[in-house]
PDB file of N, CA and C in Angstrom:
ATOM      1  N   MET A   1      83.198 124.354 145.014  1.00  0.00           N
ATOM      2  CA  MET A   1      82.446 123.756 146.076  1.00  0.00           C
ATOM      3  C   MET A   1      83.288 124.042 147.458  1.00  0.00           C
ATOM      4  N   GLN A   2      84.606 123.981 147.345  1.00  0.00           N
ATOM      5  CA  GLN A   2      85.432 124.193 148.540  1.00  0.00           C
ATOM      6  C   GLN A   2      85.179 125.692 149.040  1.00  0.00           C
ATOM      7  N   ARG A   3      85.113 126.641 148.108  1.00  0.00           N
ATOM      8  CA  ARG A   3      84.893 128.044 148.452  1.00  0.00           C
ATOM      9  C   ARG A   3      83.592 128.243 149.032  1.00  0.00           C
ATOM     10  N   ALA A   4      82.542 127.506 148.617  1.00  0.00           N
ATOM     11  CA  ALA A   4      81.194 127.571 149.148  1.00  0.00           C
ATOM     12  C   ALA A   4      81.194 126.996 150.568  1.00  0.00           C
ATOM     13  N   ASN A   5      81.975 125.917 150.835  1.00  0.00           N
ATOM     14  CA  ASN A   5      82.065 125.368 152.200  1.00  0.00           C
ATOM     15  C   ASN A   5      82.718 126.333 153.072  1.00  0.00           C
ATOM     16  N   GLU A   6      83.800 126.953 152.613  1.00  0.00           N
ATOM     17  CA  GLU A   6      84.544 127.989 153.417  1.00  0.00           C
ATOM     18  C   GLU A   6      83.609 129.161 153.751  1.00  0.00           C
ATOM     19  N   ALA A   7      82.863 129.619 152.759  1.00  0.00           N
ATOM     20  CA  ALA A   7      81.916 130.751 152.987  1.00  0.00           C
ATOM     21  C   ALA A   7      80.849 130.333 154.014  1.00  0.00           C
ATOM     22  N   TYR A   8      80.369 129.123 153.921  1.00  0.00           N
ATOM     23  CA  TYR A   8      79.368 128.685 154.796  1.00  0.00           C
ATOM     24  C   TYR A   8      79.974 128.591 156.231  1.00  0.00           C
ATOM     25  N   ALA A   9      81.123 128.035 156.380  1.00  0.00           N
ATOM     26  CA  ALA A   9      81.785 127.972 157.679  1.00  0.00           C
ATOM     27  C   ALA A   9      82.050 129.319 158.255  1.00  0.00           C
ATOM     28  N   ALA A  10      82.473 130.286 157.427  1.00  0.00           N
ATOM     29  CA  ALA A  10      82.671 131.624 157.884  1.00  0.00           C
ATOM     30  C   ALA A  10      81.475 132.493 158.008  1.00  0.00           C
ATOM     31  N   GLN A  11      80.317 131.931 157.641  1.00  0.00           N
ATOM     32  CA  GLN A  11      78.981 132.588 157.570  1.00  0.00           C
ATOM     33  C   GLN A  11      79.072 133.900 156.730  1.00  0.00           C
ATOM     34  N   ASP A  12      79.792 133.694 155.566  1.00  0.00           N
ATOM     35  CA  ASP A  12      79.892 134.792 154.615  1.00  0.00           C
ATOM     36  C   ASP A  12      78.561 134.746 153.677  1.00  0.00           C
ATOM     37  N   LEU A  13      77.534 135.389 154.285  1.00  0.00           N
ATOM     38  CA  LEU A  13      76.266 135.267 153.568  1.00  0.00           C
ATOM     39  C   LEU A  13      76.160 136.007 152.293  1.00  0.00           C
ATOM     40  N   PHE A  14      76.900 137.042 152.166  1.00  0.00           N
ATOM     41  CA  PHE A  14      76.947 137.764 150.886  1.00  0.00           C
ATOM     42  C   PHE A  14      77.542 136.941 149.804  1.00  0.00           C
ATOM     43  N   TYR A  15      78.672 136.229 150.075  1.00  0.00           N
ATOM     44  CA  TYR A  15      79.199 135.275 149.033  1.00  0.00           C
ATOM     45  C   TYR A  15      78.244 134.202 148.721  1.00  0.00           C
ATOM     46  N   LEU A  16      77.534 133.673 149.724  1.00  0.00           N
ATOM     47  CA  LEU A  16      76.587 132.604 149.494  1.00  0.00           C
ATOM     48  C   LEU A  16      75.429 133.023 148.682  1.00  0.00           C
ATOM     49  N   LEU A  17      74.915 134.223 148.932  1.00  0.00           N
ATOM     50  CA  LEU A  17      73.902 134.815 148.081  1.00  0.00           C
ATOM     51  C   LEU A  17      74.343 134.881 146.669  1.00  0.00           C
ATOM     52  N   LYS A  18      75.541 135.469 146.512  1.00  0.00           N
ATOM     53  CA  LYS A  18      76.033 135.734 145.143  1.00  0.00           C
ATOM     54  C   LYS A  18      76.233 134.357 144.471  1.00  0.00           C
ATOM     55  N   LEU A  19      76.641 133.307 145.124  1.00  0.00           N
ATOM     56  CA  LEU A  19      76.843 132.026 144.588  1.00  0.00           C
ATOM     57  C   LEU A  19      75.499 131.358 144.216  1.00  0.00           C
ATOM     58  N   GLN A  20      74.456 131.629 145.045  1.00  0.00           N
ATOM     59  CA  GLN A  20      73.118 131.129 144.691  1.00  0.00           C
ATOM     60  C   GLN A  20      72.555 131.776 143.457  1.00  0.00           C
ATOM     61  N   ILE A  21      72.783 133.067 143.334  1.00  0.00           N
ATOM     62  CA  ILE A  21      72.267 133.812 142.154  1.00  0.00           C
ATOM     63  C   ILE A  21      72.991 133.325 140.973  1.00  0.00           C
ATOM     64  N   GLN A  22      74.283 133.025 140.995  1.00  0.00           N
ATOM     65  CA  GLN A  22      75.019 132.551 139.858  1.00  0.00           C
ATOM     66  C   GLN A  22      74.476 131.095 139.448  1.00  0.00           C
ATOM     67  N   ILE A  23      74.229 130.281 140.418  1.00  0.00           N
ATOM     68  CA  ILE A  23      73.718 128.994 140.170  1.00  0.00           C
ATOM     69  C   ILE A  23      72.353 129.095 139.414  1.00  0.00           C
ATOM     70  N   GLU A  24      71.481 129.958 139.957  1.00  0.00           N
ATOM     71  CA  GLU A  24      70.182 130.203 139.376  1.00  0.00           C
ATOM     72  C   GLU A  24      70.316 130.674 137.886  1.00  0.00           C
ATOM     73  N   GLN A  25      71.270 131.566 137.672  1.00  0.00           N
ATOM     74  CA  GLN A  25      71.516 132.118 136.292  1.00  0.00           C
ATOM     75  C   GLN A  25      72.031 131.030 135.335  1.00  0.00           C
ATOM     76  N   ASN A  26      72.861 130.109 135.903  1.00  0.00           N
ATOM     77  CA  ASN A  26      73.460 129.038 135.117  1.00  0.00           C
ATOM     78  C   ASN A  26      72.375 128.042 134.752  1.00  0.00           C
ATOM     79  N   ARG A  27      71.381 127.926 135.559  1.00  0.00           N
ATOM     80  CA  ARG A  27      70.240 127.028 135.227  1.00  0.00           C
ATOM     81  C   ARG A  27      69.329 127.613 134.218  1.00  0.00           C
ATOM     82  N   GLY A  28      69.528 128.906 133.794  1.00  0.00           N
ATOM     83  CA  GLY A  28      68.669 129.461 132.820  1.00  0.00           C
ATOM     84  C   GLY A  28      67.706 130.494 133.351  1.00  0.00           C
ATOM     85  N   GLY A  29      67.719 130.635 134.663  1.00  0.00           N
ATOM     86  CA  GLY A  29      66.860 131.531 135.330  1.00  0.00           C
ATOM     87  C   GLY A  29      67.401 132.984 135.294  1.00  0.00           C
ATOM     88  N   SER A  30      66.843 133.849 136.010  1.00  0.00           N
ATOM     89  CA  SER A  30      67.391 135.143 136.122  1.00  0.00           C
ATOM     90  C   SER A  30      67.638 135.479 137.544  1.00  0.00           C
ATOM     91  N   SER A  31      68.227 136.628 137.814  1.00  0.00           N
ATOM     92  CA  SER A  31      68.479 136.993 139.231  1.00  0.00           C
ATOM     93  C   SER A  31      67.155 137.249 139.968  1.00  0.00           C
ATOM     94  N   LYS A  32      66.066 137.368 139.281  1.00  0.00           N
ATOM     95  CA  LYS A  32      64.794 137.497 139.921  1.00  0.00           C
ATOM     96  C   LYS A  32      64.139 136.225 140.354  1.00  0.00           C
ATOM     97  N   SER A  33      64.885 135.137 140.036  1.00  0.00           N
ATOM     98  CA  SER A  33      64.259 133.760 140.320  1.00  0.00           C
ATOM     99  C   SER A  33      64.307 133.446 141.758  1.00  0.00           C
ATOM    100  N   LEU A  34      64.975 134.192 142.573  1.00  0.00           N
ATOM    101  CA  LEU A  34      64.935 133.982 144.052  1.00  0.00           C
ATOM    102  C   LEU A  34      63.515 134.336 144.584  1.00  0.00           C
ATOM    103  N   SER A  35      63.001 133.544 145.424  1.00  0.00           N
ATOM    104  CA  SER A  35      61.753 133.835 145.921  1.00  0.00           C
ATOM    105  C   SER A  35      61.780 135.039 146.922  1.00  0.00           C
ATOM    106  N   ALA A  36      60.658 135.620 147.198  1.00  0.00           N
ATOM    107  CA  ALA A  36      60.590 136.717 148.112  1.00  0.00           C
ATOM    108  C   ALA A  36      61.006 136.294 149.503  1.00  0.00           C
ATOM    109  N   GLU A  37      60.659 135.058 149.878  1.00  0.00           N
ATOM    110  CA  GLU A  37      61.068 134.501 151.133  1.00  0.00           C
ATOM    111  C   GLU A  37      62.500 134.374 151.289  1.00  0.00           C
ATOM    112  N   GLN A  38      63.175 133.827 150.210  1.00  0.00           N
ATOM    113  CA  GLN A  38      64.644 133.747 150.205  1.00  0.00           C
ATOM    114  C   GLN A  38      65.259 135.108 150.314  1.00  0.00           C
ATOM    115  N   MET A  39      64.791 136.066 149.597  1.00  0.00           N
ATOM    116  CA  MET A  39      65.401 137.402 149.707  1.00  0.00           C
ATOM    117  C   MET A  39      65.212 137.984 151.029  1.00  0.00           C
ATOM    118  N   LYS A  40      64.050 137.800 151.672  1.00  0.00           N
ATOM    119  CA  LYS A  40      63.746 138.245 152.972  1.00  0.00           C
ATOM    120  C   LYS A  40      64.724 137.632 154.011  1.00  0.00           C
ATOM    121  N   PHE A  41      64.925 136.340 153.953  1.00  0.00           N
ATOM    122  CA  PHE A  41      65.935 135.693 154.699  1.00  0.00           C
ATOM    123  C   PHE A  41      67.348 136.258 154.556  1.00  0.00           C
ATOM    124  N   TYR A  42      67.793 136.402 153.350  1.00  0.00           N
ATOM    125  CA  TYR A  42      69.083 136.917 153.058  1.00  0.00           C
ATOM    126  C   TYR A  42      69.185 138.393 153.557  1.00  0.00           C
ATOM    127  N   GLN A  43      68.155 139.128 153.466  1.00  0.00           N
ATOM    128  CA  GLN A  43      68.184 140.498 153.958  1.00  0.00           C
ATOM    129  C   GLN A  43      68.386 140.527 155.403  1.00  0.00           C
ATOM    130  N   LEU A  44      67.625 139.748 156.145  1.00  0.00           N
ATOM    131  CA  LEU A  44      67.746 139.693 157.604  1.00  0.00           C
ATOM    132  C   LEU A  44      69.163 139.149 157.994  1.00  0.00           C
ATOM    133  N   ALA A  45      69.566 138.098 157.294  1.00  0.00           N
ATOM    134  CA  ALA A  45      70.889 137.559 157.669  1.00  0.00           C
ATOM    135  C   ALA A  45      72.081 138.570 157.366  1.00  0.00           C
ATOM    136  N   LEU A  46      71.888 139.281 156.195  1.00  0.00           N
ATOM    137  CA  LEU A  46      72.966 140.302 155.872  1.00  0.00           C
ATOM    138  C   LEU A  46      72.853 141.475 156.881  1.00  0.00           C
ATOM    139  N   ASP A  47      71.697 141.829 157.352  1.00  0.00           N
ATOM    140  CA  ASP A  47      71.636 142.899 158.345  1.00  0.00           C
ATOM    141  C   ASP A  47      72.332 142.511 159.689  1.00  0.00           C
ATOM    142  N   VAL A  48      72.126 141.266 160.076  1.00  0.00           N
ATOM    143  CA  VAL A  48      72.802 140.694 161.259  1.00  0.00           C
ATOM    144  C   VAL A  48      74.328 140.704 161.058  1.00  0.00           C
ATOM    145  N   GLN A  49      74.737 140.244 159.881  1.00  0.00           N
ATOM    146  CA  GLN A  49      76.182 140.184 159.598  1.00  0.00           C
ATOM    147  C   GLN A  49      76.750 141.592 159.519  1.00  0.00           C
ATOM    148  N   SER A  50      76.013 142.510 158.974  1.00  0.00           N
ATOM    149  CA  SER A  50      76.475 143.905 158.897  1.00  0.00           C
ATOM    150  C   SER A  50      76.608 144.550 160.309  1.00  0.00           C
ATOM    151  N   GLN A  51      75.655 144.223 161.180  1.00  0.00           N
ATOM    152  CA  GLN A  51      75.752 144.705 162.628  1.00  0.00           C
ATOM    153  C   GLN A  51      76.976 144.133 163.287  1.00  0.00           C
ATOM    154  N   LYS A  52      77.266 142.833 163.048  1.00  0.00           N
ATOM    155  CA  LYS A  52      78.450 142.217 163.652  1.00  0.00           C
ATOM    156  C   LYS A  52      79.741 142.896 163.190  1.00  0.00           C
ATOM    157  N   LEU A  53      79.806 143.178 161.907  1.00  0.00           N
ATOM    158  CA  LEU A  53      80.859 143.810 161.277  1.00  0.00           C
ATOM    159  C   LEU A  53      81.111 145.215 161.888  1.00  0.00           C
ATOM    160  N   ASP A  54      79.950 145.888 162.045  1.00  0.00           N
ATOM    161  CA  ASP A  54      80.027 147.326 162.655  1.00  0.00           C
ATOM    162  C   ASP A  54      80.574 147.211 164.064  1.00  0.00           C
ATOM    163  N   ASP A  55      80.127 146.216 164.798  1.00  0.00           N
ATOM    164  CA  ASP A  55      80.599 146.015 166.206  1.00  0.00           C
ATOM    165  C   ASP A  55      82.087 145.719 166.193  1.00  0.00           C
ATOM    166  N   GLN A  56      82.545 144.835 165.247  1.00  0.00           N
ATOM    167  CA  GLN A  56      83.975 144.570 165.183  1.00  0.00           C
ATOM    168  C   GLN A  56      84.779 145.807 164.846  1.00  0.00           C
ATOM    169  N   ILE A  57      84.281 146.661 163.951  1.00  0.00           N
ATOM    170  CA  ILE A  57      84.989 147.859 163.576  1.00  0.00           C
ATOM    171  C   ILE A  57      85.049 148.801 164.742  1.00  0.00           C
ATOM    172  N   GLU A  58      83.983 148.891 165.434  1.00  0.00           N
ATOM    173  CA  GLU A  58      84.005 149.793 166.621  1.00  0.00           C
ATOM    174  C   GLU A  58      84.893 149.322 167.743  1.00  0.00           C
ATOM    175  N   GLU A  59      84.952 147.970 167.903  1.00  0.00           N
ATOM    176  CA  GLU A  59      85.838 147.487 168.845  1.00  0.00           C
ATOM    177  C   GLU A  59      87.346 147.706 168.464  1.00  0.00           C
ATOM    178  N   ILE A  60      87.668 147.534 167.171  1.00  0.00           N
ATOM    179  CA  ILE A  60      89.006 147.850 166.721  1.00  0.00           C
ATOM    180  C   ILE A  60      89.324 149.374 166.885  1.00  0.00           C
ATOM    181  N   ILE A  61      88.399 150.190 166.604  1.00  0.00           N
ATOM    182  CA  ILE A  61      88.584 151.640 166.758  1.00  0.00           C
ATOM    183  C   ILE A  61      88.854 151.960 168.216  1.00  0.00           C
ATOM    184  N   GLN A  62      88.060 151.398 169.113  1.00  0.00           N
ATOM    185  CA  GLN A  62      88.250 151.635 170.534  1.00  0.00           C
ATOM    186  C   GLN A  62      89.597 151.183 171.046  1.00  0.00           C
ATOM    187  N   LEU A  63      90.081 150.040 170.500  1.00  0.00           N
ATOM    188  CA  LEU A  63      91.401 149.545 170.848  1.00  0.00           C
ATOM    189  C   LEU A  63      92.509 150.478 170.374  1.00  0.00           C
ATOM    190  N   LEU A  64      92.253 151.291 169.262  1.00  0.00           N
ATOM    191  CA  LEU A  64      93.281 152.139 168.744  1.00  0.00           C
ATOM    192  C   LEU A  64      93.224 153.583 169.488  1.00  0.00           C
ATOM    193  N   SER A  65      92.251 153.817 170.216  1.00  0.00           N
ATOM    194  CA  SER A  65      92.059 155.052 170.886  1.00  0.00           C
ATOM    195  C   SER A  65      92.823 155.096 172.140  1.00  0.00           C
ATOM    196  N   TRP A  66      94.130 155.380 172.045  1.00  0.00           N
ATOM    197  CA  TRP A  66      94.979 155.360 173.263  1.00  0.00           C
ATOM    198  C   TRP A  66      95.019 156.660 174.003  1.00  0.00           C
ATOM    199  N   ASN A  67      94.690 157.749 173.321  1.00  0.00           N
ATOM    200  CA  ASN A  67      94.777 159.118 173.893  1.00  0.00           C
ATOM    201  C   ASN A  67      93.607 159.295 174.913  1.00  0.00           C
ATOM    202  N   LYS A  68      93.875 160.021 175.953  1.00  0.00           N
ATOM    203  CA  LYS A  68      92.736 160.251 176.893  1.00  0.00           C
ATOM    204  C   LYS A  68      91.639 161.171 176.344  1.00  0.00           C
ATOM    205  N   LYS A  69      92.032 161.954 175.330  1.00  0.00           N
ATOM    206  CA  LYS A  69      91.054 162.772 174.640  1.00  0.00           C
ATOM    207  C   LYS A  69      90.220 162.052 173.584  1.00  0.00           C
ATOM    208  N   ALA A  70      90.299 160.721 173.500  1.00  0.00           N
ATOM    209  CA  ALA A  70      89.529 159.896 172.516  1.00  0.00           C
ATOM    210  C   ALA A  70      88.064 160.204 172.678  1.00  0.00           C
ATOM    211  N   HIS A  71      87.420 160.112 171.603  1.00  0.00           N
ATOM    212  CA  HIS A  71      85.938 160.316 171.510  1.00  0.00           C
ATOM    213  C   HIS A  71      85.259 159.119 172.177  1.00  0.00           C
ATOM    214  N   THR A  72      84.270 159.428 172.993  1.00  0.00           N
ATOM    215  CA  THR A  72      83.500 158.332 173.616  1.00  0.00           C
ATOM    216  C   THR A  72      82.345 157.900 172.709  1.00  0.00           C
ATOM    217  N   SER A  73      81.999 158.708 171.779  1.00  0.00           N
ATOM    218  CA  SER A  73      80.925 158.363 170.802  1.00  0.00           C
ATOM    219  C   SER A  73      81.488 157.560 169.693  1.00  0.00           C
ATOM    220  N   LYS A  74      80.641 157.006 168.852  1.00  0.00           N
ATOM    221  CA  LYS A  74      81.074 156.170 167.746  1.00  0.00           C
ATOM    222  C   LYS A  74      81.950 156.970 166.771  1.00  0.00           C
ATOM    223  N   VAL A  75      83.092 156.428 166.498  1.00  0.00           N
ATOM    224  CA  VAL A  75      84.055 157.137 165.626  1.00  0.00           C
ATOM    225  C   VAL A  75      83.807 156.602 164.242  1.00  0.00           C
ATOM    226  N   LYS A  76      83.754 157.487 163.284  1.00  0.00           N
ATOM    227  CA  LYS A  76      83.673 157.134 161.910  1.00  0.00           C
ATOM    228  C   LYS A  76      84.988 156.683 161.303  1.00  0.00           C
ATOM    229  N   ILE A  77      84.983 155.840 160.407  1.00  0.00           N
ATOM    230  CA  ILE A  77      86.177 155.292 159.717  1.00  0.00           C
ATOM    231  C   ILE A  77      86.968 156.469 159.126  1.00  0.00           C
ATOM    232  N   THR A  78      86.365 157.435 158.588  1.00  0.00           N
ATOM    233  CA  THR A  78      87.035 158.575 157.878  1.00  0.00           C
ATOM    234  C   THR A  78      87.821 159.338 158.969  1.00  0.00           C
ATOM    235  N   ASN A  79      87.374 159.426 160.254  1.00  0.00           N
ATOM    236  CA  ASN A  79      88.094 160.099 161.230  1.00  0.00           C
ATOM    237  C   ASN A  79      89.181 159.312 161.962  1.00  0.00           C
ATOM    238  N   LEU A  80      89.238 157.980 161.581  1.00  0.00           N
ATOM    239  CA  LEU A  80      90.160 157.085 162.201  1.00  0.00           C
ATOM    240  C   LEU A  80      91.634 157.530 162.073  1.00  0.00           C
ATOM    241  N   TYR A  81      92.048 157.926 160.861  1.00  0.00           N
ATOM    242  CA  TYR A  81      93.414 158.455 160.640  1.00  0.00           C
ATOM    243  C   TYR A  81      93.737 159.674 161.496  1.00  0.00           C
ATOM    244  N   LYS A  82      92.741 160.565 161.598  1.00  0.00           N
ATOM    245  CA  LYS A  82      92.956 161.723 162.481  1.00  0.00           C
ATOM    246  C   LYS A  82      93.163 161.319 163.915  1.00  0.00           C
ATOM    247  N   GLN A  83      92.424 160.322 164.417  1.00  0.00           N
ATOM    248  CA  GLN A  83      92.593 159.822 165.684  1.00  0.00           C
ATOM    249  C   GLN A  83      93.947 159.205 165.912  1.00  0.00           C
ATOM    250  N   VAL A  84      94.317 158.356 164.982  1.00  0.00           N
ATOM    251  CA  VAL A  84      95.684 157.712 165.055  1.00  0.00           C
ATOM    252  C   VAL A  84      96.841 158.777 165.102  1.00  0.00           C
ATOM    253  N   ASP A  85      96.692 159.802 164.195  1.00  0.00           N
ATOM    254  CA  ASP A  85      97.634 160.859 164.148  1.00  0.00           C
ATOM    255  C   ASP A  85      97.698 161.651 165.495  1.00  0.00           C
ATOM    256  N   ALA A  86      96.529 161.907 166.106  1.00  0.00           N
ATOM    257  CA  ALA A  86      96.504 162.635 167.316  1.00  0.00           C
ATOM    258  C   ALA A  86      97.144 161.708 168.481  1.00  0.00           C
ATOM    259  N   ASP A  87      96.824 160.492 168.474  1.00  0.00           N
ATOM    260  CA  ASP A  87      97.371 159.529 169.493  1.00  0.00           C
ATOM    261  C   ASP A  87      98.947 159.418 169.335  1.00  0.00           C
ATOM    262  N   THR A  88      99.345 159.368 168.047  1.00  0.00           N
ATOM    263  CA  THR A  88     100.826 159.292 167.752  1.00  0.00           C
ATOM    264  C   THR A  88     101.550 160.567 168.270  1.00  0.00           C
ATOM    265  N   SER A  89     100.891 161.752 167.998  1.00  0.00           N
ATOM    266  CA  SER A  89     101.444 162.993 168.428  1.00  0.00           C
ATOM    267  C   SER A  89     101.607 163.014 169.959  1.00  0.00           C
ATOM    268  N   ALA A  90     100.565 162.627 170.605  1.00  0.00           N
ATOM    269  CA  ALA A  90     100.567 162.625 172.071  1.00  0.00           C
ATOM    270  C   ALA A  90     101.639 161.749 172.585  1.00  0.00           C
ATOM    271  N   LEU A  91     101.752 160.578 172.031  1.00  0.00           N
ATOM    272  CA  LEU A  91     102.798 159.676 172.420  1.00  0.00           C
ATOM    273  C   LEU A  91     104.254 160.142 172.146  1.00  0.00           C
ATOM    274  N   LYS A  92     104.409 160.823 171.033  1.00  0.00           N
ATOM    275  CA  LYS A  92     105.729 161.456 170.727  1.00  0.00           C
ATOM    276  C   LYS A  92     105.972 162.539 171.800  1.00  0.00           C
ATOM    277  N   GLN A  93     105.067 163.358 172.160  1.00  0.00           N
ATOM    278  CA  GLN A  93     105.233 164.377 173.141  1.00  0.00           C
ATOM    279  C   GLN A  93     105.659 163.778 174.505  1.00  0.00           C
ATOM    280  N   GLN A  94     104.980 162.704 174.852  1.00  0.00           N
ATOM    281  CA  GLN A  94     105.262 162.024 176.161  1.00  0.00           C
ATOM    282  C   GLN A  94     106.665 161.434 176.020  1.00  0.00           C
ATOM    283  N   LEU A  95     107.067 160.884 174.947  1.00  0.00           N
ATOM    284  CA  LEU A  95     108.449 160.204 174.774  1.00  0.00           C
ATOM    285  C   LEU A  95     109.448 161.356 174.827  1.00  0.00           C
ATOM    286  N   LYS A  96     109.139 162.494 174.295  1.00  0.00           N
ATOM    287  CA  LYS A  96     110.102 163.662 174.270  1.00  0.00           C
ATOM    288  C   LYS A  96     110.340 164.064 175.754  1.00  0.00           C
ATOM    289  N   GLY A  97     109.318 164.146 176.466  1.00  0.00           N
ATOM    290  CA  GLY A  97     109.425 164.501 177.907  1.00  0.00           C
ATOM    291  C   GLY A  97     110.210 163.457 178.651  1.00  0.00           C
ATOM    292  N   GLU A  98     109.960 162.272 178.480  1.00  0.00           N
ATOM    293  CA  GLU A  98     110.705 161.225 179.169  1.00  0.00           C
ATOM    294  C   GLU A  98     112.214 161.216 178.760  1.00  0.00           C
ATOM    295  N   LYS A  99     112.595 161.520 177.537  1.00  0.00           N
ATOM    296  CA  LYS A  99     113.890 161.674 177.042  1.00  0.00           C
ATOM    297  C   LYS A  99     114.586 162.788 177.826  1.00  0.00           C
ATOM    298  N   GLU A 100     113.841 163.867 178.006  1.00  0.00           N
ATOM    299  CA  GLU A 100     114.485 165.010 178.782  1.00  0.00           C
ATOM    300  C   GLU A 100     114.721 164.650 180.178  1.00  0.00           C
ATOM    301  N   ARG A 101     113.798 163.922 180.843  1.00  0.00           N
ATOM    302  CA  ARG A 101     114.001 163.475 182.174  1.00  0.00           C
ATOM    303  C   ARG A 101     115.201 162.590 182.310  1.00  0.00           C
ATOM    304  N   LEU A 102     115.345 161.647 181.255  1.00  0.00           N
ATOM    305  CA  LEU A 102     116.516 160.794 181.273  1.00  0.00           C
ATOM    306  C   LEU A 102     117.823 161.456 181.184  1.00  0.00           C
ATOM    307  N   LYS A 103     117.831 162.576 180.402  1.00  0.00           N
ATOM    308  CA  LYS A 103     119.077 163.381 180.287  1.00  0.00           C
ATOM    309  C   LYS A 103     119.473 163.946 181.687  1.00  0.00           C
ATOM    310  N   TYR A 104     118.528 164.467 182.446  1.00  0.00           N
ATOM    311  CA  TYR A 104     118.793 164.934 183.755  1.00  0.00           C
ATOM    312  C   TYR A 104     119.180 163.838 184.730  1.00  0.00           C
ATOM    313  N   MET A 105     118.618 162.678 184.508  1.00  0.00           N
ATOM    314  CA  MET A 105     118.868 161.552 185.466  1.00  0.00           C
ATOM    315  C   MET A 105     120.271 160.984 185.247  1.00  0.00           C
ATOM    316  N   LYS A 106     120.878 161.207 184.101  1.00  0.00           N
ATOM    317  CA  LYS A 106     122.263 160.779 183.883  1.00  0.00           C
ATOM    318  C   LYS A 106     123.244 161.636 184.709  1.00  0.00           C
ATOM    319  N   LYS A 107     122.858 162.850 184.989  1.00  0.00           N
ATOM    320  CA  LYS A 107     123.723 163.805 185.749  1.00  0.00           C
ATOM    321  C   LYS A 107     123.321 163.651 187.249  1.00  0.00           C
ATOM    322  N   LEU A 108     124.235 163.604 188.144  1.00  0.00           N
ATOM    323  CA  LEU A 108     123.867 163.518 189.601  1.00  0.00           C
ATOM    324  C   LEU A 108     123.055 164.771 190.002  1.00  0.00           C
ATOM    325  N   LYS A 109     123.509 165.941 189.630  1.00  0.00           N
ATOM    326  CA  LYS A 109     122.796 167.132 190.116  1.00  0.00           C
ATOM    327  C   LYS A 109     121.420 167.191 189.467  1.00  0.00           C
ATOM    328  N   GLY A 110     121.258 166.700 188.237  1.00  0.00           N
ATOM    329  CA  GLY A 110     119.997 166.605 187.665  1.00  0.00           C
ATOM    330  C   GLY A 110     119.022 165.644 188.358  1.00  0.00           C
ATOM    331  N   LEU A 111     119.589 164.522 188.811  1.00  0.00           N
ATOM    332  CA  LEU A 111     118.793 163.530 189.480  1.00  0.00           C
ATOM    333  C   LEU A 111     118.369 164.089 190.827  1.00  0.00           C
ATOM    334  N   GLU A 112     119.311 164.794 191.537  1.00  0.00           N
ATOM    335  CA  GLU A 112     118.919 165.402 192.803  1.00  0.00           C
ATOM    336  C   GLU A 112     117.834 166.451 192.606  1.00  0.00           C
ATOM    337  N   MET A 113     117.883 167.247 191.545  1.00  0.00           N
ATOM    338  CA  MET A 113     116.919 168.268 191.291  1.00  0.00           C
ATOM    339  C   MET A 113     115.537 167.655 190.971  1.00  0.00           C
ATOM    340  N   LEU A 114     115.473 166.577 190.276  1.00  0.00           N
ATOM    341  CA  LEU A 114     114.243 165.865 189.979  1.00  0.00           C
ATOM    342  C   LEU A 114     113.682 165.293 191.266  1.00  0.00           C
ATOM    343  N   MET A 115     114.536 164.744 192.134  1.00  0.00           N
ATOM    344  CA  MET A 115     114.092 164.233 193.401  1.00  0.00           C
ATOM    345  C   MET A 115     113.489 165.243 194.335  1.00  0.00           C
ATOM    346  N   GLU A 116     114.206 166.386 194.348  1.00  0.00           N
ATOM    347  CA  GLU A 116     113.721 167.546 195.145  1.00  0.00           C
ATOM    348  C   GLU A 116     112.334 168.014 194.749  1.00  0.00           C
ATOM    349  N   ASN A 117     112.204 168.095 193.395  1.00  0.00           N
ATOM    350  CA  ASN A 117     110.875 168.624 192.912  1.00  0.00           C
ATOM    351  C   ASN A 117     109.790 167.574 192.855  1.00  0.00           C
ATOM    352  N   GLY A 118     110.041 166.375 193.332  1.00  0.00           N
ATOM    353  CA  GLY A 118     109.135 165.319 193.339  1.00  0.00           C
ATOM    354  C   GLY A 118     108.780 164.741 192.011  1.00  0.00           C
ATOM    355  N   ALA A 119     109.635 164.876 191.025  1.00  0.00           N
ATOM    356  CA  ALA A 119     109.358 164.367 189.682  1.00  0.00           C
ATOM    357  C   ALA A 119     109.673 162.857 189.634  1.00  0.00           C
ATOM    358  N   LEU A 120     110.297 162.349 190.655  1.00  0.00           N
ATOM    359  CA  LEU A 120     110.586 160.892 190.691  1.00  0.00           C
ATOM    360  C   LEU A 120     109.953 160.280 191.816  1.00  0.00           C
TER     361      LEU A 120
END
């Protein structure tokens, strides 16, 4: 009962449907004992829940797209690792360049050279 309350509070419609089917089966019915109206309601509710989850996934993917070359279209989950690898590689390159600049900044002549070239 506690899990059902948690699922209801979290609007976990898939779990609630599964629970309802189990209850119907325990009463001696079959999984076909749900009415067409109940099935239609659950289908619509699950479609809404699925859309919300897709939106959350898209939002997470967009938050992970740090690189300026990130895709502006919808990214597939299968391509997410490639995107993270590309972003990581770009950040490593940027970090490498910053380390080189710091090496020159430690030396007075290097600092003067960077200032003359407008790098600082």
